[in-house]
Each structure stands twice: as structure tokens, then as C-alpha cells.
Amino acid sequence: VFLQGAASGLLFVPLMVYVLSSAPIHTGTTGLVVAACTRFTATLNSFAGFYNLQLYFNQYFKEGFLGYLTAENQNMLTRLNTYRSLYASKGFSSEQASGLANAAIWQGLAQQSQLLTNRAVFMAFAILLLVVAVCILFIPAIGKTLLHWNKRMVMPSKDL
């Protein structure tokens, strides 16, 4: 949220200044209202997009983990038995220990899927920012090269 606020300040303040400085004087406060509504809409969309990415990746990783939580998986059975014996040693009945062990397994699954979700979301943002940075670096050079080639093609050759 802090990074989103910093990016919002770095992006929208110059945009609002540009909108307000380029708007004709007779429009009054309309430019300010348009800029403020644009900022508000963009902020809501970024929150909604971030939330939907989290929901998607969290569900994706949970479903991936559920394939490993079977009765045939020895690691899961060992962990479940360890939790059962731990809760039984704390004085819980066998039914309560079993329920608490299942809850502990589910809590671990939820925690791991959330950690993988955070990694996936921020990796997606990093890749997107890398693509934008590469475009910012190379598009002006490509434009100059194309402009140079277009000038060469239009100018008649002196050899003819």
C-alpha cells in the first residue's frame, strides 16, 4: 500500500498539474474535478486489480497444495501424526487433537499459499515494470532509427 501511494503521488501529481495547466481558463474548476475523479478511479482500479490477483494466485496455490494432502503422502501423514501427538500430550482428547491437527495442517497450507501469492504478485509487478523500463529505453532509439531510415529512403540518391 505504501508503494502504491508513492507511485500514485509520483504519477498523478504531475498528471494533475498537466491537466490543470493545459485546460482553458474558462473551464474553471472542471479540470480539477476531472483530475481528481481520474485519480480516484485509478486508485480504486489498482486496489481491485491487486485484490483480484491475490485471490487468483491464492486459490491457484491452494489447489496445487491440495493435490499433495492425500492419505498416500507420507510427509503429510507424519506431520499430521506429530500434531496429533503434540495436542494429545497437551491434554486434549483424541478427537480434539485430531481436529486441531487438521486445523494446523490447513493453517500451514493457507500460510504457504499466501507467501507464494505474495511472491507471484510482486514478481508479476516486477516483470511489468521491467517491460515498461525496456520500452522507455528502446522506443526513442527505435523511433530515431526509423526516422533516419525514412529520410534516407525519401532523399534521392546523388549517384543517379
C-alpha atoms as a PDB file:
ATOM      1  CA  VAL A   1       0.000   0.000   0.000  1.00  0.00           C
ATOM      2  CA  PHE A   2       2.929   2.311   0.756  1.00  0.00           C
ATOM      3  CA  LEU A   3       4.436   1.677  -2.691  1.00  0.00           C
ATOM      4  CA  GLN A   4       1.050   2.213  -4.331  1.00  0.00           C
ATOM      5  CA  GLY A   5       0.694   5.534  -2.528  1.00  0.00           C
ATOM      6  CA  ALA A   6       4.199   6.614  -3.523  1.00  0.00           C
ATOM      7  CA  ALA A   7       3.585   5.629  -7.143  1.00  0.00           C
ATOM      8  CA  SER A   8       0.254   7.428  -7.064  1.00  0.00           C
ATOM      9  CA  GLY A   9       1.907  10.598  -5.801  1.00  0.00           C
ATOM     10  CA  LEU A  10       4.718  10.390  -8.351  1.00  0.00           C
ATOM     11  CA  LEU A  11       2.348   9.705 -11.221  1.00  0.00           C
ATOM     12  CA  PHE A  12      -0.844  11.601 -10.539  1.00  0.00           C
ATOM     13  CA  VAL A  13       0.515  14.878  -9.211  1.00  0.00           C
ATOM     14  CA  PRO A  14       2.355  15.663 -12.475  1.00  0.00           C
ATOM     15  CA  LEU A  15      -0.674  14.485 -14.446  1.00  0.00           C
ATOM     16  CA  MET A  16      -2.983  16.745 -12.471  1.00  0.00           C
ATOM     17  CA  VAL A  17      -0.615  19.685 -12.934  1.00  0.00           C
ATOM     18  CA  TYR A  18      -0.511  18.976 -16.681  1.00  0.00           C
ATOM     19  CA  VAL A  19      -4.301  18.700 -16.950  1.00  0.00           C
ATOM     20  CA  LEU A  20      -4.843  21.876 -14.975  1.00  0.00           C
ATOM     21  CA  SER A  21      -2.189  23.874 -16.834  1.00  0.00           C
ATOM     22  CA  SER A  22      -3.391  22.793 -20.274  1.00  0.00           C
ATOM     23  CA  ALA A  23      -7.091  23.367 -19.599  1.00  0.00           C
ATOM     24  CA  PRO A  24      -8.555  26.644 -20.866  1.00  0.00           C
ATOM     25  CA  ILE A  25      -9.256  29.273 -18.215  1.00  0.00           C
ATOM     26  CA  HIS A  26     -12.989  29.438 -18.940  1.00  0.00           C
ATOM     27  CA  THR A  27     -13.444  25.803 -17.809  1.00  0.00           C
ATOM     28  CA  GLY A  28     -12.962  26.869 -14.192  1.00  0.00           C
ATOM     29  CA  THR A  29     -12.705  24.032 -11.700  1.00  0.00           C
ATOM     30  CA  THR A  30     -13.806  21.374 -14.199  1.00  0.00           C
ATOM     31  CA  GLY A  31     -10.192  20.379 -14.847  1.00  0.00           C
ATOM     32  CA  LEU A  32      -9.597  19.914 -11.136  1.00  0.00           C
ATOM     33  CA  VAL A  33     -12.718  17.766 -10.807  1.00  0.00           C
ATOM     34  CA  VAL A  34     -11.741  15.650 -13.836  1.00  0.00           C
ATOM     35  CA  ALA A  35      -8.201  15.151 -12.500  1.00  0.00           C
ATOM     36  CA  ALA A  36      -9.466  14.236  -9.022  1.00  0.00           C
ATOM     37  CA  CYS A  37     -12.043  11.791 -10.423  1.00  0.00           C
ATOM     38  CA  THR A  38      -9.383  10.218 -12.625  1.00  0.00           C
ATOM     39  CA  ARG A  39      -7.078   9.758  -9.649  1.00  0.00           C
ATOM     40  CA  PHE A  40      -9.883   8.287  -7.558  1.00  0.00           C
ATOM     41  CA  THR A  41     -10.920   5.875 -10.334  1.00  0.00           C
ATOM     42  CA  ALA A  42      -7.338   4.783 -10.967  1.00  0.00           C
ATOM     43  CA  THR A  43      -6.776   4.158  -7.251  1.00  0.00           C
ATOM     44  CA  LEU A  44      -9.931   2.051  -6.991  1.00  0.00           C
ATOM     45  CA  ASN A  45      -8.939   0.064 -10.078  1.00  0.00           C
ATOM     46  CA  SER A  46      -5.447  -0.579  -8.734  1.00  0.00           C
ATOM     47  CA  PHE A  47      -6.841  -1.828  -5.415  1.00  0.00           C
ATOM     48  CA  ALA A  48      -9.359  -4.033  -7.232  1.00  0.00           C
ATOM     49  CA  GLY A  49      -6.681  -5.422  -9.532  1.00  0.00           C
ATOM     50  CA  PHE A  50      -4.324  -6.140  -6.647  1.00  0.00           C
ATOM     51  CA  TYR A  51      -7.119  -7.840  -4.699  1.00  0.00           C
ATOM     52  CA  ASN A  52      -8.165  -9.976  -7.675  1.00  0.00           C
ATOM     53  CA  LEU A  53      -4.566 -11.001  -8.343  1.00  0.00           C
ATOM     54  CA  GLN A  54      -4.260 -12.073  -4.715  1.00  0.00           C
ATOM     55  CA  LEU A  55      -7.479 -14.075  -4.882  1.00  0.00           C
ATOM     56  CA  TYR A  56      -6.483 -15.766  -8.129  1.00  0.00           C
ATOM     57  CA  PHE A  57      -2.965 -16.753  -7.060  1.00  0.00           C
ATOM     58  CA  ASN A  58      -4.051 -17.761  -3.546  1.00  0.00           C
ATOM     59  CA  GLN A  59      -6.670 -20.130  -4.957  1.00  0.00           C
ATOM     60  CA  TYR A  60      -4.215 -21.407  -7.571  1.00  0.00           C
ATOM     61  CA  PHE A  61      -1.583 -22.302  -4.975  1.00  0.00           C
ATOM     62  CA  LYS A  62      -4.117 -23.791  -2.538  1.00  0.00           C
ATOM     63  CA  GLU A  63      -5.398 -26.097  -5.243  1.00  0.00           C
ATOM     64  CA  GLY A  64      -1.830 -27.067  -6.054  1.00  0.00           C
ATOM     65  CA  PHE A  65      -1.137 -27.922  -2.408  1.00  0.00           C
ATOM     66  CA  LEU A  66      -4.370 -29.895  -2.030  1.00  0.00           C
ATOM     67  CA  GLY A  67      -3.038 -32.424  -4.528  1.00  0.00           C
ATOM     68  CA  TYR A  68      -0.327 -33.311  -2.005  1.00  0.00           C
ATOM     69  CA  LEU A  69      -2.638 -33.630   1.011  1.00  0.00           C
ATOM     70  CA  THR A  70      -3.605 -37.241   0.489  1.00  0.00           C
ATOM     71  CA  ALA A  71      -3.541 -40.335   2.660  1.00  0.00           C
ATOM     72  CA  GLU A  72      -0.715 -41.708   0.480  1.00  0.00           C
ATOM     73  CA  ASN A  73       1.630 -38.780   1.168  1.00  0.00           C
ATOM     74  CA  GLN A  74       3.959 -39.892   3.942  1.00  0.00           C
ATOM     75  CA  ASN A  75       5.159 -36.358   4.751  1.00  0.00           C
ATOM     76  CA  MET A  76       1.607 -35.192   5.363  1.00  0.00           C
ATOM     77  CA  LEU A  77       0.798 -38.248   7.481  1.00  0.00           C
ATOM     78  CA  THR A  78       3.949 -37.785   9.544  1.00  0.00           C
ATOM     79  CA  ARG A  79       3.162 -34.110  10.131  1.00  0.00           C
ATOM     80  CA  LEU A  80      -0.459 -34.909  10.999  1.00  0.00           C
ATOM     81  CA  ASN A  81       0.588 -37.600  13.494  1.00  0.00           C
ATOM     82  CA  THR A  82       3.153 -35.219  15.023  1.00  0.00           C
ATOM     83  CA  TYR A  83       0.463 -32.589  15.536  1.00  0.00           C
ATOM     84  CA  ARG A  84      -1.941 -35.175  16.963  1.00  0.00           C
ATOM     85  CA  SER A  85       0.625 -36.422  19.466  1.00  0.00           C
ATOM     86  CA  LEU A  86       1.577 -32.848  20.382  1.00  0.00           C
ATOM     87  CA  TYR A  87      -2.036 -31.873  21.112  1.00  0.00           C
ATOM     88  CA  ALA A  88      -2.694 -35.164  22.900  1.00  0.00           C
ATOM     89  CA  SER A  89       0.339 -34.540  25.120  1.00  0.00           C
ATOM     90  CA  LYS A  90      -1.119 -31.130  25.986  1.00  0.00           C
ATOM     91  CA  GLY A  91      -4.229 -32.825  27.435  1.00  0.00           C
ATOM     92  CA  PHE A  92      -6.673 -32.759  24.530  1.00  0.00           C
ATOM     93  CA  SER A  93      -8.859 -35.762  23.779  1.00  0.00           C
ATOM     94  CA  SER A  94      -8.083 -37.804  20.663  1.00  0.00           C
ATOM     95  CA  GLU A  95     -10.996 -36.220  18.733  1.00  0.00           C
ATOM     96  CA  GLN A  96      -9.929 -32.724  19.738  1.00  0.00           C
ATOM     97  CA  ALA A  97      -6.280 -33.492  18.944  1.00  0.00           C
ATOM     98  CA  SER A  98      -7.289 -34.801  15.520  1.00  0.00           C
ATOM     99  CA  GLY A  99      -9.384 -31.707  14.807  1.00  0.00           C
ATOM    100  CA  LEU A 100      -6.622 -29.369  15.966  1.00  0.00           C
ATOM    101  CA  ALA A 101      -4.058 -31.288  13.882  1.00  0.00           C
ATOM    102  CA  ASN A 102      -6.224 -30.908  10.785  1.00  0.00           C
ATOM    103  CA  ALA A 103      -6.631 -27.203  11.554  1.00  0.00           C
ATOM    104  CA  ALA A 104      -2.852 -26.832  11.942  1.00  0.00           C
ATOM    105  CA  ILE A 105      -2.275 -28.533   8.577  1.00  0.00           C
ATOM    106  CA  TRP A 106      -4.854 -26.252   6.962  1.00  0.00           C
ATOM    107  CA  GLN A 107      -3.305 -23.176   8.602  1.00  0.00           C
ATOM    108  CA  GLY A 108       0.127 -24.151   7.268  1.00  0.00           C
ATOM    109  CA  LEU A 109      -1.355 -24.641   3.800  1.00  0.00           C
ATOM    110  CA  ALA A 110      -3.035 -21.222   3.938  1.00  0.00           C
ATOM    111  CA  GLN A 111       0.167 -19.560   5.128  1.00  0.00           C
ATOM    112  CA  GLN A 112       2.307 -21.152   2.414  1.00  0.00           C
ATOM    113  CA  SER A 113      -0.203 -20.300  -0.312  1.00  0.00           C
ATOM    114  CA  GLN A 114      -0.299 -16.677   0.880  1.00  0.00           C
ATOM    115  CA  LEU A 115       3.505 -16.475   0.835  1.00  0.00           C
ATOM    116  CA  LEU A 116       3.603 -17.894  -2.691  1.00  0.00           C
ATOM    117  CA  THR A 117       0.820 -15.490  -3.676  1.00  0.00           C
ATOM    118  CA  ASN A 118       2.830 -12.511  -2.436  1.00  0.00           C
ATOM    119  CA  ARG A 119       5.841 -13.721  -4.384  1.00  0.00           C
ATOM    120  CA  ALA A 120       3.813 -14.249  -7.556  1.00  0.00           C
ATOM    121  CA  VAL A 121       2.056 -10.868  -7.383  1.00  0.00           C
ATOM    122  CA  PHE A 122       5.235  -8.904  -6.793  1.00  0.00           C
ATOM    123  CA  MET A 123       7.076 -10.920  -9.446  1.00  0.00           C
ATOM    124  CA  ALA A 124       4.311 -10.006 -11.907  1.00  0.00           C
ATOM    125  CA  PHE A 125       4.701  -6.339 -10.941  1.00  0.00           C
ATOM    126  CA  ALA A 126       8.485  -6.576 -11.318  1.00  0.00           C
ATOM    127  CA  ILE A 127       8.162  -8.108 -14.787  1.00  0.00           C
ATOM    128  CA  LEU A 128       5.656  -5.444 -15.804  1.00  0.00           C
ATOM    129  CA  LEU A 129       7.957  -2.685 -14.561  1.00  0.00           C
ATOM    130  CA  LEU A 130      10.892  -4.281 -16.383  1.00  0.00           C
ATOM    131  CA  VAL A 131       8.906  -4.325 -19.631  1.00  0.00           C
ATOM    132  CA  VAL A 132       7.955  -0.672 -19.159  1.00  0.00           C
ATOM    133  CA  ALA A 133      11.587   0.265 -18.423  1.00  0.00           C
ATOM    134  CA  VAL A 134      12.809  -1.567 -21.532  1.00  0.00           C
ATOM    135  CA  CYS A 135      10.158   0.193 -23.621  1.00  0.00           C
ATOM    136  CA  ILE A 136      11.178   3.566 -22.185  1.00  0.00           C
ATOM    137  CA  LEU A 137      14.804   2.841 -23.023  1.00  0.00           C
ATOM    138  CA  PHE A 138      14.402   1.425 -26.514  1.00  0.00           C
ATOM    139  CA  ILE A 139      11.369   3.112 -28.100  1.00  0.00           C
ATOM    140  CA  PRO A 140      13.105   6.508 -28.571  1.00  0.00           C
ATOM    141  CA  ALA A 141      16.127   4.808 -30.150  1.00  0.00           C
ATOM    142  CA  ILE A 142      13.918   2.751 -32.451  1.00  0.00           C
ATOM    143  CA  GLY A 143      11.968   5.892 -33.383  1.00  0.00           C
ATOM    144  CA  LYS A 144      15.172   7.762 -34.255  1.00  0.00           C
ATOM    145  CA  THR A 145      16.409   4.807 -36.309  1.00  0.00           C
ATOM    146  CA  LEU A 146      13.145   4.591 -38.236  1.00  0.00           C
ATOM    147  CA  LEU A 147      13.166   8.354 -38.796  1.00  0.00           C
ATOM    148  CA  HIS A 148      16.736   8.123 -40.111  1.00  0.00           C
ATOM    149  CA  TRP A 149      15.833   5.276 -42.489  1.00  0.00           C
ATOM    150  CA  ASN A 150      12.723   7.092 -43.699  1.00  0.00           C
ATOM    151  CA  LYS A 151      14.803  10.183 -44.507  1.00  0.00           C
ATOM    152  CA  ARG A 152      17.303   8.040 -46.422  1.00  0.00           C
ATOM    153  CA  MET A 153      14.528   6.408 -48.446  1.00  0.00           C
ATOM    154  CA  VAL A 154      12.849   9.721 -49.317  1.00  0.00           C
ATOM    155  CA  MET A 155      16.013  11.580 -50.369  1.00  0.00           C
ATOM    156  CA  PRO A 156      17.069  10.881 -53.956  1.00  0.00           C
ATOM    157  CA  SER A 157      20.443   9.365 -54.470  1.00  0.00           C
ATOM    158  CA  LYS A 158      23.182  11.577 -55.949  1.00  0.00           C
ATOM    159  CA  ASP A 159      24.520   8.689 -57.991  1.00  0.00           C
ATOM    160  CA  LEU A 160      21.583   8.710 -60.391  1.00  0.00           C
END
